[in-house]
Amino acid sequence: MNERQLDLPGMLDASSEGERQDGPVSASVGNCAELHVHLNGAIPASTIKNILADETTVLPRGFEITRDLLRLTPCKSLAAYLTPWQILRLFPRKRENLDRLCIAALANMAANGVRFVELRSSVLYLATLQKCSPTQALERLIESTRDAAERQNIRRGLILTVTRGDYGATALTALLQAYQDLGEPDDVVGLDLAGDEEMSYPAQLPSLFREAKDRFGLGITIHAGETGRAENVRSAIELFGTDRIGHGTAASKVPELMDLLAKEDVCVEVCPISNRLTGAVSSEEAHPLQEFRRHGVPFVICSDNPGIHQRGLVDDHSAAMAEGLSVGDLRHQFQVAKRYSFIEGLA
């Protein structure tokens, strides 16, 4: 590891259950923005444990909270990194616990200097858990996140996540119907495609994303190039009409893709800590954010799943500095995030 790379063992050593709330980087950078964060990956561990106990959740066989809930050191694979989702998908079954987790997640973001955030969430999971319709689930998510954001004086938008797989088109159709049933609320600002990049998806899914973008003005962000399939980045741009790419680390090894990202002005959501923990960027190589900059590819620093990392955006800024960004670069990040955000009217 060269001197500009992140020392994950030193940075992600054992810590208390409370997330780090602030630090020197946030103090010098000032206002921050968060464009790639999953709501269920942003819940503090203590809140997760309390909700699991309150809902008397039965843990999956073989899952151990002390071993499997958090991800503090690099994992052998993306699948291993995603182990916490075995329980993160099991709650909240109670309406009040949705409020509870939103309040905790937004409080940690505020403590990390976040002034506006785009929260990703799977409404269909919530509907299943709370035994309600997708429309009711989306309404509850809007209300809970709105209240939590207002408490912290944070502007927030919601990005609705669709998971790759055979039912991707059906899921997107259900989400868009719920969105329309509620009168196309401004709270919803975008759509996201996530999940295992090796999985196929229905042939009509890209056109459905493009139609939603054209009809409703929703922003599109696609998880692509995180697990080595660089061509997924090209597909996201050429087939889905994406505005942003989640992670995109594999693109750095393909000059033609870097040129395409720059030409199409597609912003990459760079998650330094997550990229090291998932193995998207190995300990032997430099993070590609410097390659993005050299090729003129716009990027924003994000935290991805700060709850299961027990770190926040402040720490991802520190990680970005370890990769070669300056405090000045990070100050500029707030303006870059405004430019590529899906939230309307950011001053």
Protein backbone atom coordinates (compact mmCIF):
# COMPACT_ATOMS: atom_id res chain seq x y z
CA MET A 1 0.00 0.00 0.00
CA ASN A 2 1.46 3.36 -0.95
CA GLU A 3 1.42 6.32 1.37
CA ARG A 4 -1.62 7.87 -0.26
CA GLN A 5 -3.79 4.84 0.37
CA LEU A 6 -6.15 4.42 3.27
CA ASP A 7 -4.91 2.51 6.29
CA LEU A 8 -8.15 0.65 6.94
CA PRO A 9 -6.92 -1.41 9.91
CA GLY A 10 -5.89 1.75 11.69
CA MET A 11 -8.97 3.72 10.74
CA LEU A 12 -11.56 0.99 11.24
CA ASP A 13 -10.38 -0.58 14.47
CA ALA A 14 -12.74 -1.56 17.23
CA SER A 15 -14.91 1.31 18.37
CA SER A 16 -17.89 1.95 20.58
CA GLU A 17 -21.41 1.34 19.31
CA GLY A 18 -22.01 5.06 18.80
CA GLU A 19 -20.89 6.41 15.46
CA ARG A 20 -18.17 9.03 15.37
CA GLN A 21 -20.02 12.29 15.42
CA ASP A 22 -17.53 14.83 14.20
CA GLY A 23 -13.85 15.45 13.61
CA PRO A 24 -11.16 17.75 12.23
CA VAL A 25 -12.09 17.16 8.60
CA SER A 26 -15.73 18.17 9.02
CA ALA A 27 -14.70 21.24 10.99
CA SER A 28 -12.45 22.44 8.17
CA VAL A 29 -14.73 21.41 5.30
CA GLY A 30 -17.99 22.79 6.69
CA ASN A 31 -21.27 21.86 5.02
CA CYS A 32 -21.47 18.38 3.52
CA ALA A 33 -23.82 16.55 1.18
CA GLU A 34 -24.63 12.86 0.89
CA LEU A 35 -25.75 11.43 -2.47
CA HIS A 36 -25.18 7.69 -1.92
CA VAL A 37 -26.39 6.30 1.38
CA HIS A 38 -28.73 3.38 2.04
CA LEU A 39 -31.19 4.04 4.84
CA ASN A 40 -31.01 0.53 6.28
CA GLY A 41 -27.21 0.71 6.12
CA ALA A 42 -27.15 4.00 8.03
CA ILE A 43 -28.86 2.88 11.23
CA PRO A 44 -26.64 2.87 14.35
CA ALA A 45 -25.93 -0.59 15.74
CA SER A 46 -27.49 0.25 19.09
CA THR A 47 -30.74 1.26 17.40
CA ILE A 48 -30.76 -1.94 15.33
CA LYS A 49 -30.35 -4.08 18.44
CA ASN A 50 -33.10 -2.21 20.29
CA ILE A 51 -35.54 -2.59 17.40
CA LEU A 52 -34.74 -6.29 16.99
CA ALA A 53 -35.44 -6.79 20.68
CA ASP A 54 -38.62 -4.72 20.59
CA GLU A 55 -39.98 -6.70 17.64
CA THR A 56 -38.70 -10.02 19.05
CA THR A 57 -37.07 -10.73 15.71
CA VAL A 58 -35.80 -14.26 15.20
CA LEU A 59 -32.31 -14.11 13.75
CA PRO A 60 -31.38 -16.27 10.75
CA ARG A 61 -29.73 -19.54 11.63
CA GLY A 62 -26.00 -19.07 12.13
CA PHE A 63 -26.18 -15.28 12.28
CA GLU A 64 -24.31 -13.82 15.26
CA ILE A 65 -24.86 -10.16 16.09
CA THR A 66 -21.39 -9.64 17.54
CA ARG A 67 -19.74 -11.18 14.48
CA ASP A 68 -22.05 -10.40 11.56
CA LEU A 69 -23.78 -7.06 12.14
CA LEU A 70 -20.85 -4.75 11.45
CA ARG A 71 -18.22 -4.54 8.74
CA LEU A 72 -15.04 -2.95 10.09
CA THR A 73 -12.31 -4.73 8.13
CA PRO A 74 -12.02 -5.71 4.44
CA CYS A 75 -14.19 -8.68 3.45
CA LYS A 76 -13.28 -11.53 1.14
CA SER A 77 -16.17 -10.75 -1.19
CA LEU A 78 -19.12 -8.45 -1.73
CA ALA A 79 -21.37 -11.29 -0.57
CA ALA A 80 -19.51 -11.45 2.74
CA TYR A 81 -19.76 -7.69 3.11
CA LEU A 82 -23.53 -7.91 2.63
CA THR A 83 -24.04 -10.43 5.46
CA PRO A 84 -25.60 -7.77 7.75
CA TRP A 85 -28.49 -7.49 5.30
CA GLN A 86 -29.71 -10.88 6.50
CA ILE A 87 -31.17 -9.00 9.45
CA LEU A 88 -31.38 -5.46 8.04
CA ARG A 89 -34.18 -6.78 5.82
CA LEU A 90 -36.15 -8.12 8.80
CA PHE A 91 -37.26 -4.81 10.33
CA PRO A 92 -39.05 -2.48 11.01
CA ARG A 93 -42.31 -4.33 11.35
CA LYS A 94 -43.75 -1.61 13.59
CA ARG A 95 -44.64 1.85 12.29
CA GLU A 96 -43.07 3.56 15.29
CA ASN A 97 -39.78 1.77 14.71
CA LEU A 98 -39.58 3.26 11.21
CA ASP A 99 -39.70 6.66 12.93
CA ARG A 100 -37.11 5.49 15.41
CA LEU A 101 -34.55 4.32 12.87
CA CYS A 102 -35.01 7.40 10.67
CA ILE A 103 -34.43 9.72 13.62
CA ALA A 104 -31.24 7.87 14.59
CA ALA A 105 -29.86 7.74 11.05
CA LEU A 106 -30.53 11.42 10.30
CA ALA A 107 -29.08 12.50 13.65
CA ASN A 108 -25.79 10.82 12.77
CA MET A 109 -25.77 12.48 9.36
CA ALA A 110 -26.34 15.88 10.94
CA ALA A 111 -23.47 15.22 13.35
CA ASN A 112 -21.29 14.59 10.29
CA GLY A 113 -22.12 18.00 8.84
CA VAL A 114 -24.65 16.77 6.26
CA ARG A 115 -26.95 19.54 5.04
CA PHE A 116 -28.77 17.64 2.30
CA VAL A 117 -29.08 13.94 1.62
CA GLU A 118 -30.61 11.55 -0.88
CA LEU A 119 -31.75 8.46 1.03
CA ARG A 120 -32.05 5.12 -0.76
CA SER A 121 -34.65 2.68 0.42
CA SER A 122 -36.56 -0.38 -0.76
CA VAL A 123 -40.22 0.45 -0.31
CA LEU A 124 -41.35 -3.04 -1.32
CA TYR A 125 -39.42 -4.61 1.58
CA LEU A 126 -41.08 -2.14 3.92
CA ALA A 127 -44.52 -2.97 2.53
CA THR A 128 -43.92 -6.68 3.12
CA LEU A 129 -42.62 -6.13 6.64
CA GLN A 130 -45.47 -3.84 7.69
CA LYS A 131 -48.11 -5.82 5.80
CA CYS A 132 -49.35 -2.84 3.87
CA SER A 133 -49.54 -1.75 0.24
CA PRO A 134 -46.53 -0.20 -1.54
CA THR A 135 -48.45 3.08 -1.57
CA GLN A 136 -48.92 3.00 2.20
CA ALA A 137 -45.28 2.01 2.71
CA LEU A 138 -44.05 4.87 0.55
CA GLU A 139 -46.30 7.30 2.41
CA ARG A 140 -44.92 6.11 5.75
CA LEU A 141 -41.34 6.37 4.51
CA ILE A 142 -41.97 9.91 3.29
CA GLU A 143 -43.49 10.93 6.61
CA SER A 144 -40.83 9.33 8.80
CA THR A 145 -37.85 10.63 6.85
CA ARG A 146 -39.41 14.09 6.50
CA ASP A 147 -39.92 14.38 10.26
CA ALA A 148 -36.43 13.14 11.05
CA ALA A 149 -34.84 15.47 8.48
CA GLU A 150 -36.77 18.50 9.74
CA ARG A 151 -35.56 17.81 13.28
CA GLN A 152 -31.96 18.05 12.05
CA ASN A 153 -32.54 20.91 9.58
CA ILE A 154 -31.48 18.65 6.70
CA ARG A 155 -33.02 18.71 3.24
CA ARG A 156 -33.71 15.20 2.07
CA GLY A 157 -34.93 13.45 -1.04
CA LEU A 158 -35.83 9.79 -1.47
CA ILE A 159 -34.37 7.44 -4.06
CA LEU A 160 -36.43 4.30 -4.60
CA THR A 161 -34.30 1.20 -5.02
CA VAL A 162 -35.00 -1.66 -7.43
CA THR A 163 -33.00 -4.87 -7.05
CA ARG A 164 -31.54 -6.70 -10.04
CA GLY A 165 -33.22 -9.99 -10.87
CA ASP A 166 -36.11 -11.52 -12.74
CA TYR A 167 -38.69 -9.36 -10.98
CA GLY A 168 -36.94 -6.01 -11.48
CA ALA A 169 -39.47 -4.72 -13.99
CA THR A 170 -42.41 -5.79 -11.83
CA ALA A 171 -40.87 -4.10 -8.80
CA LEU A 172 -40.24 -0.85 -10.67
CA THR A 173 -43.80 -0.82 -12.00
CA ALA A 174 -45.16 -1.27 -8.45
CA LEU A 175 -42.96 1.53 -7.10
CA LEU A 176 -43.98 3.95 -9.84
CA GLN A 177 -47.66 3.11 -9.28
CA ALA A 178 -47.28 3.90 -5.57
CA TYR A 179 -45.53 7.16 -6.51
CA GLN A 180 -48.40 8.11 -8.80
CA ASP A 181 -51.04 7.06 -6.25
CA LEU A 182 -49.57 9.65 -3.86
CA GLY A 183 -49.68 12.38 -6.50
CA GLU A 184 -46.03 12.19 -7.57
CA PRO A 185 -44.65 13.77 -4.37
CA ASP A 186 -41.57 15.97 -4.60
CA ASP A 187 -40.06 13.93 -1.75
CA VAL A 188 -39.19 11.21 -4.30
CA VAL A 189 -36.31 12.43 -6.44
CA GLY A 190 -34.80 9.38 -8.11
CA LEU A 191 -34.56 5.69 -8.90
CA ASP A 192 -31.71 3.31 -8.16
CA LEU A 193 -30.79 -0.13 -9.49
CA ALA A 194 -28.80 -2.17 -6.99
CA GLY A 195 -27.97 -5.78 -6.18
CA ASP A 196 -25.67 -8.46 -7.52
CA GLU A 197 -24.18 -7.23 -10.79
CA GLU A 198 -23.87 -10.80 -12.04
CA MET A 199 -27.64 -11.21 -12.01
CA SER A 200 -29.64 -10.72 -15.17
CA TYR A 201 -32.67 -8.45 -15.36
CA PRO A 202 -35.72 -8.27 -17.65
CA ALA A 203 -34.99 -6.91 -21.11
CA GLN A 204 -37.56 -4.14 -20.69
CA LEU A 205 -36.08 -2.80 -17.43
CA PRO A 206 -33.73 -0.20 -19.01
CA SER A 207 -36.54 1.29 -21.09
CA LEU A 208 -38.76 1.47 -17.99
CA PHE A 209 -36.05 3.46 -16.18
CA ARG A 210 -35.71 5.83 -19.15
CA GLU A 211 -39.48 6.27 -19.40
CA ALA A 212 -39.69 7.13 -15.70
CA LYS A 213 -36.93 9.67 -16.14
CA ASP A 214 -38.63 11.28 -19.11
CA ARG A 215 -42.18 11.19 -17.75
CA PHE A 216 -41.62 12.10 -14.11
CA GLY A 217 -38.29 13.92 -14.18
CA LEU A 218 -36.75 11.45 -11.72
CA GLY A 219 -32.98 11.16 -11.54
CA ILE A 220 -31.38 7.80 -12.32
CA THR A 221 -28.44 6.27 -10.47
CA ILE A 222 -27.16 2.75 -11.12
CA HIS A 223 -24.87 0.59 -9.01
CA ALA A 224 -22.35 -0.46 -11.63
CA GLY A 225 -18.71 -1.47 -11.88
CA GLU A 226 -18.46 -2.18 -8.16
CA THR A 227 -17.69 -5.87 -8.51
CA GLY A 228 -15.42 -5.88 -11.53
CA ARG A 229 -17.92 -5.81 -14.40
CA ALA A 230 -16.84 -2.62 -16.11
CA GLU A 231 -19.30 -3.12 -18.97
CA ASN A 232 -22.15 -2.60 -16.50
CA VAL A 233 -21.05 1.04 -16.41
CA ARG A 234 -21.47 1.30 -20.18
CA SER A 235 -24.90 -0.36 -19.97
CA ALA A 236 -25.96 2.05 -17.24
CA ILE A 237 -25.12 4.99 -19.48
CA GLU A 238 -26.21 3.72 -22.88
CA LEU A 239 -29.23 1.58 -21.91
CA PHE A 240 -30.58 3.08 -18.67
CA GLY A 241 -29.72 6.72 -19.37
CA THR A 242 -28.21 7.07 -15.92
CA ASP A 243 -27.26 10.44 -14.44
CA ARG A 244 -24.93 8.98 -11.84
CA ILE A 245 -23.00 5.77 -11.23
CA GLY A 246 -22.79 4.13 -7.81
CA HIS A 247 -19.15 3.17 -7.13
CA GLY A 248 -17.96 2.57 -10.72
CA THR A 249 -14.48 1.55 -9.59
CA ALA A 250 -13.99 -0.98 -12.41
CA ALA A 251 -14.39 1.76 -15.01
CA SER A 252 -11.03 3.22 -14.01
CA LYS A 253 -9.28 0.33 -15.75
CA VAL A 254 -11.00 1.00 -19.10
CA PRO A 255 -9.92 4.30 -20.71
CA GLU A 256 -12.84 4.23 -23.14
CA LEU A 257 -15.31 4.09 -20.27
CA MET A 258 -13.57 6.93 -18.48
CA ASP A 259 -13.86 8.99 -21.64
CA LEU A 260 -17.54 8.08 -21.91
CA LEU A 261 -18.23 9.09 -18.30
CA ALA A 262 -16.53 12.43 -18.87
CA LYS A 263 -18.22 13.03 -22.23
CA GLU A 264 -21.69 12.25 -20.90
CA ASP A 265 -21.05 14.20 -17.68
CA VAL A 266 -22.04 11.21 -15.54
CA CYS A 267 -21.12 11.69 -11.90
CA VAL A 268 -19.56 8.80 -9.97
CA GLU A 269 -20.62 8.30 -6.36
CA VAL A 270 -17.31 7.39 -4.73
CA CYS A 271 -17.50 5.58 -1.38
CA PRO A 272 -13.87 5.23 -0.22
CA ILE A 273 -14.39 3.21 2.95
CA SER A 274 -17.03 0.93 1.46
CA ASN A 275 -14.89 0.30 -1.63
CA ARG A 276 -12.07 -0.99 0.57
CA LEU A 277 -14.37 -3.06 2.78
CA THR A 278 -16.15 -4.76 -0.13
CA GLY A 279 -12.90 -5.48 -1.97
CA ALA A 280 -13.95 -3.33 -4.93
CA VAL A 281 -10.55 -1.68 -4.40
CA SER A 282 -7.89 -3.99 -2.98
CA SER A 283 -5.29 -3.03 -0.41
CA GLU A 284 -2.58 -3.32 -3.08
CA GLU A 285 -3.99 -0.63 -5.36
CA ALA A 286 -4.70 3.07 -5.16
CA HIS A 287 -8.31 4.15 -5.11
CA PRO A 288 -9.39 5.24 -8.63
CA LEU A 289 -10.75 8.60 -7.52
CA GLN A 290 -7.51 10.20 -8.72
CA GLU A 291 -8.04 8.52 -12.11
CA PHE A 292 -11.53 9.98 -12.22
CA ARG A 293 -10.10 13.41 -11.62
CA ARG A 294 -7.35 13.01 -14.24
CA HIS A 295 -9.92 11.98 -16.86
CA GLY A 296 -12.30 14.82 -15.99
CA VAL A 297 -14.94 12.47 -14.57
CA PRO A 298 -17.07 14.26 -11.96
CA PHE A 299 -17.36 12.49 -8.61
CA VAL A 300 -18.81 12.99 -5.14
CA ILE A 301 -17.60 11.44 -1.88
CA CYS A 302 -20.30 9.37 -0.16
CA SER A 303 -20.60 6.95 2.77
CA ASP A 304 -22.80 4.11 1.40
CA ASN A 305 -23.54 2.21 4.66
CA PRO A 306 -22.13 4.25 7.54
CA GLY A 307 -24.11 2.39 10.19
CA ILE A 308 -22.53 -0.99 9.53
CA HIS A 309 -19.11 0.66 9.14
CA GLN A 310 -19.57 2.52 12.44
CA ARG A 311 -18.27 5.57 10.60
CA GLY A 312 -19.86 8.55 8.87
CA LEU A 313 -19.26 10.90 5.97
CA VAL A 314 -16.56 12.65 7.98
CA ASP A 315 -14.53 9.45 7.88
CA ASP A 316 -15.04 9.01 4.16
CA HIS A 317 -13.71 12.53 3.70
CA SER A 318 -10.68 11.54 5.77
CA ALA A 319 -10.29 8.45 3.61
CA ALA A 320 -10.48 10.58 0.46
CA MET A 321 -7.73 12.80 1.85
CA ALA A 322 -5.62 9.70 2.48
CA GLU A 323 -6.13 8.93 -1.22
CA GLY A 324 -4.80 12.36 -2.21
CA LEU A 325 -7.66 14.88 -2.03
CA SER A 326 -7.02 18.17 -0.27
CA VAL A 327 -9.24 20.05 2.17
CA GLY A 328 -9.90 22.45 -0.70
CA ASP A 329 -11.08 19.54 -2.84
CA LEU A 330 -13.47 18.49 -0.11
CA ARG A 331 -14.83 22.01 0.33
CA HIS A 332 -15.59 22.00 -3.39
CA GLN A 333 -17.45 18.70 -2.96
CA PHE A 334 -20.49 20.51 -1.55
CA GLN A 335 -20.88 22.48 -4.77
CA VAL A 336 -20.31 19.39 -6.91
CA ALA A 337 -22.98 17.54 -4.95
CA LYS A 338 -25.43 20.41 -5.50
CA ARG A 339 -24.81 20.25 -9.23
CA TYR A 340 -25.45 16.51 -9.50
CA SER A 341 -28.13 16.18 -6.83
CA PHE A 342 -31.64 15.17 -7.84
CA ILE A 343 -33.14 17.51 -5.20
CA GLU A 344 -34.65 20.62 -6.79
CA GLY A 345 -33.88 24.15 -5.68
CA LEU A 346 -30.59 23.71 -3.84
CA ALA A 347 -29.13 27.19 -3.43
